[in-house]
Structure formats: structure tokens, C-alpha cells
């Protein structure tokens, strides 16, 4: 099982990535990070994932992962 983390999961690309990874048989999402939405339910932002996940956005970044997806927008990533 591949343990994945996502930084910047609140945007459109993050939502699509979450959907893909939730349906991947060999991937377990360890965390979904978002500074602006920390503490909020993923499905509160990505309403199409209602009933698919009970994940909560985190402000923390864990290091017990195999792969990290960085999906923040370019402007924020450069700052």
C-alpha cells in the first residue's frame, strides 16, 4: 500500500487528485493539507465527495508517507 500526502488539497486540482486516490486500490491517503481550510471537512469544500470520505483538512504535514503531491497554485508556491 502506498501512503500518500497532499499539500494544497482545497483547490480544483486537489479535489480531482483526492477523488482519483480515494478510488485507487493501492493508495492510502495519510493527510490532506490546507492552511486556509484546516479543521474543515473535505466534503465541505469538495461537495462532490460527500459520502466518499470523512477526511478533515490538516494544517500539519506528516512525514510517514511514500509519496507527496504538491498541488498549490503557482503564486502561492513561489511565496
C-alpha atoms as a PDB file:
ATOM      1  CA  UNK A   1       0.000   0.000   0.000  1.00  0.00           C
ATOM      2  CA  UNK A   2       1.367   3.404  -0.990  1.00  0.00           C
ATOM      3  CA  UNK A   3       0.893   6.104   1.671  1.00  0.00           C
ATOM      4  CA  UNK A   4       0.231   9.487   0.050  1.00  0.00           C
ATOM      5  CA  UNK A   5       0.098  13.029   1.352  1.00  0.00           C
ATOM      6  CA  UNK A   6      -1.415  16.035  -0.406  1.00  0.00           C
ATOM      7  CA  UNK A   7      -0.360  19.650   0.113  1.00  0.00           C
ATOM      8  CA  UNK A   8      -2.902  22.146  -1.204  1.00  0.00           C
ATOM      9  CA  UNK A   9      -5.931  19.873  -1.345  1.00  0.00           C
ATOM     10  CA  UNK A  10      -8.611  22.591  -1.318  1.00  0.00           C
ATOM     11  CA  UNK A  11      -8.360  23.685  -4.951  1.00  0.00           C
ATOM     12  CA  UNK A  12      -9.824  22.131  -8.080  1.00  0.00           C
ATOM     13  CA  UNK A  13      -6.723  20.054  -8.861  1.00  0.00           C
ATOM     14  CA  UNK A  14      -6.538  18.875  -5.253  1.00  0.00           C
ATOM     15  CA  UNK A  15     -10.159  17.744  -5.401  1.00  0.00           C
ATOM     16  CA  UNK A  16      -9.580  15.757  -8.567  1.00  0.00           C
ATOM     17  CA  UNK A  17      -6.458  14.177  -7.074  1.00  0.00           C
ATOM     18  CA  UNK A  18      -8.341  13.222  -3.906  1.00  0.00           C
ATOM     19  CA  UNK A  19     -11.062  11.585  -5.992  1.00  0.00           C
ATOM     20  CA  UNK A  20      -8.519   9.592  -8.005  1.00  0.00           C
ATOM     21  CA  UNK A  21      -6.575   8.465  -4.946  1.00  0.00           C
ATOM     22  CA  UNK A  22      -9.693   7.506  -2.976  1.00  0.00           C
ATOM     23  CA  UNK A  23     -10.584   5.093  -5.773  1.00  0.00           C
ATOM     24  CA  UNK A  24      -7.073   3.690  -6.206  1.00  0.00           C
ATOM     25  CA  UNK A  25      -6.760   0.236  -4.661  1.00  0.00           C
ATOM     26  CA  UNK A  26      -3.057   0.581  -3.849  1.00  0.00           C
ATOM     27  CA  UNK A  27      -3.114   4.062  -2.234  1.00  0.00           C
ATOM     28  CA  UNK A  28      -3.993   5.197   1.269  1.00  0.00           C
ATOM     29  CA  UNK A  29      -4.202   8.970   1.820  1.00  0.00           C
ATOM     30  CA  UNK A  30      -2.337   9.874   5.022  1.00  0.00           C
ATOM     31  CA  UNK A  31      -3.184  13.578   5.090  1.00  0.00           C
ATOM     32  CA  UNK A  32      -4.661  16.402   3.046  1.00  0.00           C
ATOM     33  CA  UNK A  33      -3.137  19.750   3.983  1.00  0.00           C
ATOM     34  CA  UNK A  34      -4.694  23.171   3.546  1.00  0.00           C
ATOM     35  CA  UNK A  35      -3.766  26.199   5.633  1.00  0.00           C
ATOM     36  CA  UNK A  36      -6.956  28.094   4.799  1.00  0.00           C
ATOM     37  CA  UNK A  37      -9.298  25.135   5.412  1.00  0.00           C
ATOM     38  CA  UNK A  38      -7.572  23.330   8.292  1.00  0.00           C
ATOM     39  CA  UNK A  39     -10.163  21.682  10.530  1.00  0.00           C
ATOM     40  CA  UNK A  40     -12.878  21.668   7.846  1.00  0.00           C
ATOM     41  CA  UNK A  41     -14.323  18.543   6.262  1.00  0.00           C
ATOM     42  CA  UNK A  42     -13.015  17.738   2.777  1.00  0.00           C
ATOM     43  CA  UNK A  43     -16.586  17.263   1.563  1.00  0.00           C
ATOM     44  CA  UNK A  44     -17.434  20.752   2.817  1.00  0.00           C
ATOM     45  CA  UNK A  45     -15.152  22.151   0.105  1.00  0.00           C
ATOM     46  CA  UNK A  46     -15.385  19.347  -2.447  1.00  0.00           C
ATOM     47  CA  UNK A  47     -19.117  18.716  -2.186  1.00  0.00           C
ATOM     48  CA  UNK A  48     -18.995  16.002  -4.852  1.00  0.00           C
ATOM     49  CA  UNK A  49     -17.014  13.881  -2.345  1.00  0.00           C
ATOM     50  CA  UNK A  50     -19.869  13.898   0.209  1.00  0.00           C
ATOM     51  CA  UNK A  51     -20.243  10.326   1.438  1.00  0.00           C
ATOM     52  CA  UNK A  52     -16.933   9.296  -0.134  1.00  0.00           C
ATOM     53  CA  UNK A  53     -14.604  10.398   2.674  1.00  0.00           C
ATOM     54  CA  UNK A  54     -14.627  11.675   6.214  1.00  0.00           C
ATOM     55  CA  UNK A  55     -11.190  13.320   5.925  1.00  0.00           C
ATOM     56  CA  UNK A  56     -10.568  16.672   7.594  1.00  0.00           C
ATOM     57  CA  UNK A  57      -8.123  19.206   6.148  1.00  0.00           C
ATOM     58  CA  UNK A  58      -4.983  19.465   8.252  1.00  0.00           C
ATOM     59  CA  UNK A  59      -2.506  22.282   8.745  1.00  0.00           C
ATOM     60  CA  UNK A  60       0.180  19.705   9.552  1.00  0.00           C
ATOM     61  CA  UNK A  61       2.400  17.837   7.128  1.00  0.00           C
ATOM     62  CA  UNK A  62       3.222  14.269   8.155  1.00  0.00           C
ATOM     63  CA  UNK A  63       6.419  12.531   7.169  1.00  0.00           C
ATOM     64  CA  UNK A  64       5.251   8.892   7.312  1.00  0.00           C
ATOM     65  CA  UNK A  65       4.392   8.815   3.600  1.00  0.00           C
ATOM     66  CA  UNK A  66       5.799   7.255   0.446  1.00  0.00           C
ATOM     67  CA  UNK A  67       4.752   9.996  -1.964  1.00  0.00           C
ATOM     68  CA  UNK A  68       3.841  13.677  -1.619  1.00  0.00           C
ATOM     69  CA  UNK A  69       1.618  15.542  -4.066  1.00  0.00           C
ATOM     70  CA  UNK A  70       2.145  19.310  -4.114  1.00  0.00           C
ATOM     71  CA  UNK A  71      -0.887  20.892  -5.797  1.00  0.00           C
ATOM     72  CA  UNK A  72      -0.804  24.514  -4.656  1.00  0.00           C
ATOM     73  CA  UNK A  73      -1.195  27.243  -7.228  1.00  0.00           C
ATOM     74  CA  UNK A  74       1.985  28.744  -8.675  1.00  0.00           C
ATOM     75  CA  UNK A  75       1.633  32.147  -7.000  1.00  0.00           C
ATOM     76  CA  UNK A  76       1.345  30.651  -3.507  1.00  0.00           C
ATOM     77  CA  UNK A  77       4.031  28.054  -4.223  1.00  0.00           C
ATOM     78  CA  UNK A  78       6.529  30.793  -5.107  1.00  0.00           C
ATOM     79  CA  UNK A  79       5.924  32.782  -1.892  1.00  0.00           C
END
